[in-house]
């Protein structure tokens, strides 16, 4: 049920493929909205789900930071990067 970090990274990279900076930024905001809407949990399952949502926010931010650092406007899938 809970996704490891590498699955989250793969999911975000697949979704980010072909998106421009605005698209990536919008996805990051949506991930943040989902995290903010989640209720802090008092059982292990709820806590882990909230942490997973936070991991998605962080991964979208990492993709956006990478785009900024490289000065690219459109994110390319890993196999298309030169």
PDB file of N, CA and C in Angstrom:
ATOM      1  N   UNK A   1       0.825  -1.194   0.000  1.00  0.00           N
ATOM      2  CA  UNK A   1       0.000   0.000   0.000  1.00  0.00           C
ATOM      3  C   UNK A   1       0.875   1.267   0.000  1.00  0.00           C
ATOM      4  N   UNK A   2       1.933   1.255   0.760  1.00  0.00           N
ATOM      5  CA  UNK A   2       2.791   2.429   0.818  1.00  0.00           C
ATOM      6  C   UNK A   2       3.926   2.258  -0.171  1.00  0.00           C
ATOM      7  N   UNK A   3       4.240   3.318  -0.846  1.00  0.00           N
ATOM      8  CA  UNK A   3       5.212   3.251  -1.928  1.00  0.00           C
ATOM      9  C   UNK A   3       6.602   3.641  -1.445  1.00  0.00           C
ATOM     10  N   UNK A   4       7.613   2.854  -1.824  1.00  0.00           N
ATOM     11  CA  UNK A   4       8.979   3.223  -1.480  1.00  0.00           C
ATOM     12  C   UNK A   4       9.415   4.461  -2.264  1.00  0.00           C
ATOM     13  N   UNK A   5      10.470   5.093  -1.807  1.00  0.00           N
ATOM     14  CA  UNK A   5      10.964   6.333  -2.407  1.00  0.00           C
ATOM     15  C   UNK A   5      11.218   6.196  -3.904  1.00  0.00           C
ATOM     16  N   UNK A   6      11.791   5.060  -4.326  1.00  0.00           N
ATOM     17  CA  UNK A   6      12.093   4.905  -5.752  1.00  0.00           C
ATOM     18  C   UNK A   6      10.830   4.807  -6.606  1.00  0.00           C
ATOM     19  N   UNK A   7       9.742   4.271  -6.055  1.00  0.00           N
ATOM     20  CA  UNK A   7       8.466   4.214  -6.785  1.00  0.00           C
ATOM     21  C   UNK A   7       7.887   5.615  -6.907  1.00  0.00           C
ATOM     22  N   UNK A   8       7.964   6.392  -5.836  1.00  0.00           N
ATOM     23  CA  UNK A   8       7.480   7.772  -5.870  1.00  0.00           C
ATOM     24  C   UNK A   8       8.263   8.562  -6.902  1.00  0.00           C
ATOM     25  N   UNK A   9       9.581   8.417  -6.908  1.00  0.00           N
ATOM     26  CA  UNK A   9      10.429   9.135  -7.869  1.00  0.00           C
ATOM     27  C   UNK A   9      10.040   8.757  -9.298  1.00  0.00           C
ATOM     28  N   UNK A  10       9.862   7.463  -9.568  1.00  0.00           N
ATOM     29  CA  UNK A  10       9.494   6.987 -10.905  1.00  0.00           C
ATOM     30  C   UNK A  10       8.130   7.537 -11.309  1.00  0.00           C
ATOM     31  N   UNK A  11       7.157   7.491 -10.404  1.00  0.00           N
ATOM     32  CA  UNK A  11       5.817   8.000 -10.705  1.00  0.00           C
ATOM     33  C   UNK A  11       5.851   9.487 -11.059  1.00  0.00           C
ATOM     34  N   UNK A  12       6.582  10.255 -10.287  1.00  0.00           N
ATOM     35  CA  UNK A  12       6.666  11.696 -10.530  1.00  0.00           C
ATOM     36  C   UNK A  12       7.382  11.962 -11.851  1.00  0.00           C
ATOM     37  N   UNK A  13       8.468  11.262 -12.117  1.00  0.00           N
ATOM     38  CA  UNK A  13       9.198  11.485 -13.363  1.00  0.00           C
ATOM     39  C   UNK A  13       8.355  11.123 -14.575  1.00  0.00           C
ATOM     40  N   UNK A  14       7.567  10.054 -14.478  1.00  0.00           N
ATOM     41  CA  UNK A  14       6.694   9.677 -15.590  1.00  0.00           C
ATOM     42  C   UNK A  14       5.626  10.739 -15.816  1.00  0.00           C
ATOM     43  N   UNK A  15       5.055  11.252 -14.732  1.00  0.00           N
ATOM     44  CA  UNK A  15       4.035  12.297 -14.848  1.00  0.00           C
ATOM     45  C   UNK A  15       4.626  13.616 -15.327  1.00  0.00           C
ATOM     46  N   UNK A  16       5.864  13.879 -14.962  1.00  0.00           N
ATOM     47  CA  UNK A  16       6.506  15.147 -15.309  1.00  0.00           C
ATOM     48  C   UNK A  16       7.004  15.171 -16.749  1.00  0.00           C
ATOM     49  N   UNK A  17       7.129  14.007 -17.370  1.00  0.00           N
ATOM     50  CA  UNK A  17       7.666  13.933 -18.734  1.00  0.00           C
ATOM     51  C   UNK A  17       6.877  14.832 -19.676  1.00  0.00           C
ATOM     52  N   UNK A  18       7.580  15.777 -20.291  1.00  0.00           N
ATOM     53  CA  UNK A  18       6.964  16.674 -21.255  1.00  0.00           C
ATOM     54  C   UNK A  18       6.310  17.907 -20.657  1.00  0.00           C
ATOM     55  N   UNK A  19       6.241  17.993 -19.335  1.00  0.00           N
ATOM     56  CA  UNK A  19       5.636  19.168 -18.707  1.00  0.00           C
ATOM     57  C   UNK A  19       6.621  20.328 -18.701  1.00  0.00           C
ATOM     58  N   UNK A  20       6.096  21.531 -18.860  1.00  0.00           N
ATOM     59  CA  UNK A  20       6.946  22.705 -18.712  1.00  0.00           C
ATOM     60  C   UNK A  20       7.006  23.070 -17.231  1.00  0.00           C
ATOM     61  N   UNK A  21       7.746  24.129 -16.918  1.00  0.00           N
ATOM     62  CA  UNK A  21       7.920  24.527 -15.508  1.00  0.00           C
ATOM     63  C   UNK A  21       6.585  24.829 -14.832  1.00  0.00           C
ATOM     64  N   UNK A  22       5.669  25.468 -15.557  1.00  0.00           N
ATOM     65  CA  UNK A  22       4.357  25.767 -14.969  1.00  0.00           C
ATOM     66  C   UNK A  22       3.582  24.487 -14.655  1.00  0.00           C
ATOM     67  N   UNK A  23       3.691  23.504 -15.547  1.00  0.00           N
ATOM     68  CA  UNK A  23       3.014  22.230 -15.321  1.00  0.00           C
ATOM     69  C   UNK A  23       3.574  21.493 -14.118  1.00  0.00           C
ATOM     70  N   UNK A  24       4.902  21.491 -13.997  1.00  0.00           N
ATOM     71  CA  UNK A  24       5.549  20.844 -12.847  1.00  0.00           C
ATOM     72  C   UNK A  24       5.169  21.580 -11.567  1.00  0.00           C
ATOM     73  N   UNK A  25       5.168  22.898 -11.639  1.00  0.00           N
ATOM     74  CA  UNK A  25       4.807  23.696 -10.467  1.00  0.00           C
ATOM     75  C   UNK A  25       3.356  23.425 -10.054  1.00  0.00           C
ATOM     76  N   UNK A  26       2.468  23.287 -11.020  1.00  0.00           N
ATOM     77  CA  UNK A  26       1.060  22.992 -10.722  1.00  0.00           C
ATOM     78  C   UNK A  26       0.924  21.616 -10.069  1.00  0.00           C
ATOM     79  N   UNK A  27       1.688  20.642 -10.543  1.00  0.00           N
ATOM     80  CA  UNK A  27       1.650  19.310  -9.939  1.00  0.00           C
ATOM     81  C   UNK A  27       2.179  19.346  -8.502  1.00  0.00           C
ATOM     82  N   UNK A  28       3.203  20.149  -8.272  1.00  0.00           N
ATOM     83  CA  UNK A  28       3.741  20.280  -6.927  1.00  0.00           C
ATOM     84  C   UNK A  28       2.718  20.918  -5.992  1.00  0.00           C
ATOM     85  N   UNK A  29       2.032  21.952  -6.489  1.00  0.00           N
ATOM     86  CA  UNK A  29       0.985  22.595  -5.679  1.00  0.00           C
ATOM     87  C   UNK A  29      -0.147  21.619  -5.367  1.00  0.00           C
ATOM     88  N   UNK A  30      -0.523  20.793  -6.338  1.00  0.00           N
ATOM     89  CA  UNK A  30      -1.579  19.803  -6.108  1.00  0.00           C
ATOM     90  C   UNK A  30      -1.137  18.770  -5.080  1.00  0.00           C
ATOM     91  N   UNK A  31       0.121  18.329  -5.154  1.00  0.00           N
ATOM     92  CA  UNK A  31       0.641  17.391  -4.155  1.00  0.00           C
ATOM     93  C   UNK A  31       0.633  18.033  -2.770  1.00  0.00           C
ATOM     94  N   UNK A  32       0.994  19.317  -2.707  1.00  0.00           N
ATOM     95  CA  UNK A  32       0.974  20.036  -1.426  1.00  0.00           C
ATOM     96  C   UNK A  32      -0.459  20.171  -0.908  1.00  0.00           C
ATOM     97  N   UNK A  33      -1.403  20.418  -1.815  1.00  0.00           N
ATOM     98  CA  UNK A  33      -2.814  20.527  -1.415  1.00  0.00           C
ATOM     99  C   UNK A  33      -3.309  19.219  -0.816  1.00  0.00           C
ATOM    100  N   UNK A  34      -2.953  18.094  -1.459  1.00  0.00           N
ATOM    101  CA  UNK A  34      -3.353  16.784  -0.930  1.00  0.00           C
ATOM    102  C   UNK A  34      -2.745  16.540   0.453  1.00  0.00           C
ATOM    103  N   UNK A  35      -1.479  16.921   0.603  1.00  0.00           N
ATOM    104  CA  UNK A  35      -0.825  16.756   1.905  1.00  0.00           C
ATOM    105  C   UNK A  35      -1.527  17.622   2.955  1.00  0.00           C
ATOM    106  N   UNK A  36      -1.774  18.879   2.615  1.00  0.00           N
ATOM    107  CA  UNK A  36      -2.413  19.790   3.567  1.00  0.00           C
ATOM    108  C   UNK A  36      -3.813  19.330   3.948  1.00  0.00           C
ATOM    109  N   UNK A  37      -4.521  18.691   3.003  1.00  0.00           N
ATOM    110  CA  UNK A  37      -5.881  18.229   3.264  1.00  0.00           C
ATOM    111  C   UNK A  37      -5.905  16.940   4.082  1.00  0.00           C
ATOM    112  N   UNK A  38      -4.789  16.233   4.117  1.00  0.00           N
ATOM    113  CA  UNK A  38      -4.755  14.985   4.872  1.00  0.00           C
ATOM    114  C   UNK A  38      -4.746  15.294   6.366  1.00  0.00           C
ATOM    115  N   UNK A  39      -5.364  14.429   7.098  1.00  0.00           N
ATOM    116  CA  UNK A  39      -5.455  14.631   8.546  1.00  0.00           C
ATOM    117  C   UNK A  39      -4.254  13.987   9.221  1.00  0.00           C
ATOM    118  N   UNK A  40      -3.632  14.697  10.150  1.00  0.00           N
ATOM    119  CA  UNK A  40      -2.566  14.036  10.914  1.00  0.00           C
ATOM    120  C   UNK A  40      -3.156  12.808  11.608  1.00  0.00           C
ATOM    121  N   UNK A  41      -2.477  11.717  11.513  1.00  0.00           N
ATOM    122  CA  UNK A  41      -3.024  10.470  12.039  1.00  0.00           C
ATOM    123  C   UNK A  41      -2.482  10.097  13.395  1.00  0.00           C
ATOM    124  N   UNK A  42      -3.259   9.286  14.035  1.00  0.00           N
ATOM    125  CA  UNK A  42      -2.856   8.788  15.345  1.00  0.00           C
ATOM    126  C   UNK A  42      -2.596   7.299  15.292  1.00  0.00           C
ATOM    127  N   UNK A  43      -2.817   6.695  14.126  1.00  0.00           N
ATOM    128  CA  UNK A  43      -2.458   5.291  13.971  1.00  0.00           C
ATOM    129  C   UNK A  43      -1.347   5.211  12.926  1.00  0.00           C
ATOM    130  N   UNK A  44      -0.628   4.137  12.919  1.00  0.00           N
ATOM    131  CA  UNK A  44       0.539   3.991  12.058  1.00  0.00           C
ATOM    132  C   UNK A  44       0.165   4.156  10.589  1.00  0.00           C
ATOM    133  N   UNK A  45      -0.935   3.587  10.155  1.00  0.00           N
ATOM    134  CA  UNK A  45      -1.330   3.653   8.752  1.00  0.00           C
ATOM    135  C   UNK A  45      -1.569   5.097   8.302  1.00  0.00           C
ATOM    136  N   UNK A  46      -2.261   5.878   9.091  1.00  0.00           N
ATOM    137  CA  UNK A  46      -2.522   7.273   8.728  1.00  0.00           C
ATOM    138  C   UNK A  46      -1.239   8.099   8.724  1.00  0.00           C
ATOM    139  N   UNK A  47      -0.381   7.857   9.668  1.00  0.00           N
ATOM    140  CA  UNK A  47       0.895   8.569   9.732  1.00  0.00           C
ATOM    141  C   UNK A  47       1.729   8.245   8.504  1.00  0.00           C
ATOM    142  N   UNK A  48       1.779   6.971   8.123  1.00  0.00           N
ATOM    143  CA  UNK A  48       2.564   6.570   6.959  1.00  0.00           C
ATOM    144  C   UNK A  48       1.984   7.147   5.673  1.00  0.00           C
ATOM    145  N   UNK A  49       0.663   7.200   5.557  1.00  0.00           N
ATOM    146  CA  UNK A  49       0.039   7.771   4.356  1.00  0.00           C
ATOM    147  C   UNK A  49       0.380   9.257   4.238  1.00  0.00           C
ATOM    148  N   UNK A  50       0.336   9.963   5.349  1.00  0.00           N
ATOM    149  CA  UNK A  50       0.667  11.387   5.343  1.00  0.00           C
ATOM    150  C   UNK A  50       2.139  11.592   4.961  1.00  0.00           C
ATOM    151  N   UNK A  51       3.017  10.732   5.469  1.00  0.00           N
ATOM    152  CA  UNK A  51       4.433  10.822   5.107  1.00  0.00           C
ATOM    153  C   UNK A  51       4.630  10.574   3.615  1.00  0.00           C
ATOM    154  N   UNK A  52       3.864   9.638   3.052  1.00  0.00           N
ATOM    155  CA  UNK A  52       3.949   9.351   1.620  1.00  0.00           C
ATOM    156  C   UNK A  52       3.515  10.567   0.806  1.00  0.00           C
ATOM    157  N   UNK A  53       2.454  11.232   1.217  1.00  0.00           N
ATOM    158  CA  UNK A  53       2.016  12.447   0.524  1.00  0.00           C
ATOM    159  C   UNK A  53       3.107  13.516   0.581  1.00  0.00           C
ATOM    160  N   UNK A  54       3.752  13.635   1.727  1.00  0.00           N
ATOM    161  CA  UNK A  54       4.850  14.592   1.870  1.00  0.00           C
ATOM    162  C   UNK A  54       6.014  14.230   0.955  1.00  0.00           C
ATOM    163  N   UNK A  55       6.276  12.937   0.785  1.00  0.00           N
ATOM    164  CA  UNK A  55       7.341  12.497  -0.122  1.00  0.00           C
ATOM    165  C   UNK A  55       7.041  12.913  -1.562  1.00  0.00           C
ATOM    166  N   UNK A  56       5.776  12.857  -1.964  1.00  0.00           N
ATOM    167  CA  UNK A  56       5.405  13.305  -3.304  1.00  0.00           C
ATOM    168  C   UNK A  56       5.646  14.804  -3.464  1.00  0.00           C
ATOM    169  N   UNK A  57       5.304  15.586  -2.451  1.00  0.00           N
ATOM    170  CA  UNK A  57       5.562  17.031  -2.493  1.00  0.00           C
ATOM    171  C   UNK A  57       7.056  17.282  -2.672  1.00  0.00           C
ATOM    172  N   UNK A  58       7.858  16.601  -1.891  1.00  0.00           N
ATOM    173  CA  UNK A  58       9.312  16.783  -1.958  1.00  0.00           C
ATOM    174  C   UNK A  58       9.866  16.374  -3.318  1.00  0.00           C
ATOM    175  N   UNK A  59       9.350  15.297  -3.903  1.00  0.00           N
ATOM    176  CA  UNK A  59       9.851  14.845  -5.199  1.00  0.00           C
ATOM    177  C   UNK A  59       9.469  15.821  -6.306  1.00  0.00           C
ATOM    178  N   UNK A  60       8.248  16.364  -6.280  1.00  0.00           N
ATOM    179  CA  UNK A  60       7.874  17.382  -7.271  1.00  0.00           C
ATOM    180  C   UNK A  60       8.763  18.606  -7.122  1.00  0.00           C
ATOM    181  N   UNK A  61       9.076  18.986  -5.897  1.00  0.00           N
ATOM    182  CA  UNK A  61       9.965  20.132  -5.677  1.00  0.00           C
ATOM    183  C   UNK A  61      11.357  19.823  -6.202  1.00  0.00           C
ATOM    184  N   UNK A  62      11.833  18.585  -6.016  1.00  0.00           N
ATOM    185  CA  UNK A  62      13.146  18.202  -6.504  1.00  0.00           C
ATOM    186  C   UNK A  62      13.207  18.309  -8.034  1.00  0.00           C
ATOM    187  N   UNK A  63      12.140  17.866  -8.713  1.00  0.00           N
ATOM    188  CA  UNK A  63      12.087  17.962 -10.176  1.00  0.00           C
ATOM    189  C   UNK A  63      12.109  19.431 -10.593  1.00  0.00           C
ATOM    190  N   UNK A  64      11.339  20.253  -9.919  1.00  0.00           N
ATOM    191  CA  UNK A  64      11.310  21.686 -10.237  1.00  0.00           C
ATOM    192  C   UNK A  64      12.679  22.319  -9.990  1.00  0.00           C
ATOM    193  N   UNK A  65      13.324  21.980  -8.892  1.00  0.00           N
ATOM    194  CA  UNK A  65      14.668  22.502  -8.597  1.00  0.00           C
ATOM    195  C   UNK A  65      15.674  22.061  -9.656  1.00  0.00           C
ATOM    196  N   UNK A  66      15.565  20.804 -10.092  1.00  0.00           N
ATOM    197  CA  UNK A  66      16.471  20.300 -11.138  1.00  0.00           C
ATOM    198  C   UNK A  66      16.280  21.087 -12.438  1.00  0.00           C
ATOM    199  N   UNK A  67      15.023  21.367 -12.773  1.00  0.00           N
ATOM    200  CA  UNK A  67      14.744  22.135 -13.989  1.00  0.00           C
ATOM    201  C   UNK A  67      15.346  23.536 -13.872  1.00  0.00           C
ATOM    202  N   UNK A  68      15.208  24.149 -12.717  1.00  0.00           N
ATOM    203  CA  UNK A  68      15.746  25.490 -12.492  1.00  0.00           C
ATOM    204  C   UNK A  68      17.270  25.467 -12.570  1.00  0.00           C
ATOM    205  N   UNK A  69      17.870  24.495 -11.904  1.00  0.00           N
ATOM    206  CA  UNK A  69      19.330  24.390 -11.878  1.00  0.00           C
ATOM    207  C   UNK A  69      19.905  24.197 -13.283  1.00  0.00           C
ATOM    208  N   UNK A  70      19.244  23.387 -14.087  1.00  0.00           N
ATOM    209  CA  UNK A  70      19.727  23.120 -15.437  1.00  0.00           C
ATOM    210  C   UNK A  70      19.261  24.151 -16.459  1.00  0.00           C
ATOM    211  N   UNK A  71      18.349  25.026 -16.049  1.00  0.00           N
ATOM    212  CA  UNK A  71      17.831  26.037 -16.959  1.00  0.00           C
ATOM    213  C   UNK A  71      16.979  25.461 -18.072  1.00  0.00           C
ATOM    214  N   UNK A  72      16.257  24.361 -17.772  1.00  0.00           N
ATOM    215  CA  UNK A  72      15.415  23.753 -18.794  1.00  0.00           C
ATOM    216  C   UNK A  72      13.955  24.139 -18.575  1.00  0.00           C
ATOM    217  N   UNK A  73      13.226  24.216 -19.658  1.00  0.00           N
ATOM    218  CA  UNK A  73      11.825  24.620 -19.592  1.00  0.00           C
ATOM    219  C   UNK A  73      10.865  23.439 -19.668  1.00  0.00           C
ATOM    220  N   UNK A  74      11.318  22.306 -20.193  1.00  0.00           N
ATOM    221  CA  UNK A  74      10.448  21.131 -20.320  1.00  0.00           C
ATOM    222  C   UNK A  74      11.194  19.910 -19.803  1.00  0.00           C
ATOM    223  N   UNK A  75      10.540  19.189 -18.888  1.00  0.00           N
ATOM    224  CA  UNK A  75      11.164  18.021 -18.280  1.00  0.00           C
ATOM    225  C   UNK A  75      11.117  16.858 -19.261  1.00  0.00           C
ATOM    226  N   UNK A  76      12.231  16.189 -19.433  1.00  0.00           N
ATOM    227  CA  UNK A  76      12.309  15.043 -20.324  1.00  0.00           C
ATOM    228  C   UNK A  76      12.440  13.775 -19.517  1.00  0.00           C
ATOM    229  N   UNK A  77      11.826  12.680 -20.007  1.00  0.00           N
ATOM    230  CA  UNK A  77      12.003  11.404 -19.324  1.00  0.00           C
ATOM    231  C   UNK A  77      13.482  11.035 -19.287  1.00  0.00           C
ATOM    232  N   UNK A  78      13.857  10.209 -18.350  1.00  0.00           N
ATOM    233  CA  UNK A  78      15.260   9.839 -18.157  1.00  0.00           C
ATOM    234  C   UNK A  78      15.879   9.299 -19.440  1.00  0.00           C
ATOM    235  N   UNK A  79      15.148   8.461 -20.175  1.00  0.00           N
ATOM    236  CA  UNK A  79      15.716   7.850 -21.370  1.00  0.00           C
ATOM    237  C   UNK A  79      15.869   8.842 -22.538  1.00  0.00           C
ATOM    238  N   UNK A  80      15.284  10.033 -22.436  1.00  0.00           N
ATOM    239  CA  UNK A  80      15.407  11.039 -23.482  1.00  0.00           C
ATOM    240  C   UNK A  80      16.468  12.082 -23.166  1.00  0.00           C
ATOM    241  N   UNK A  81      17.010  12.080 -21.937  1.00  0.00           N
ATOM    242  CA  UNK A  81      18.033  13.061 -21.572  1.00  0.00           C
ATOM    243  C   UNK A  81      19.336  12.722 -22.279  1.00  0.00           C
ATOM    244  N   UNK A  82      20.012  13.751 -22.739  1.00  0.00           N
ATOM    245  CA  UNK A  82      21.257  13.509 -23.468  1.00  0.00           C
ATOM    246  C   UNK A  82      22.445  13.470 -22.543  1.00  0.00           C
TER     247      UNK A  82
END
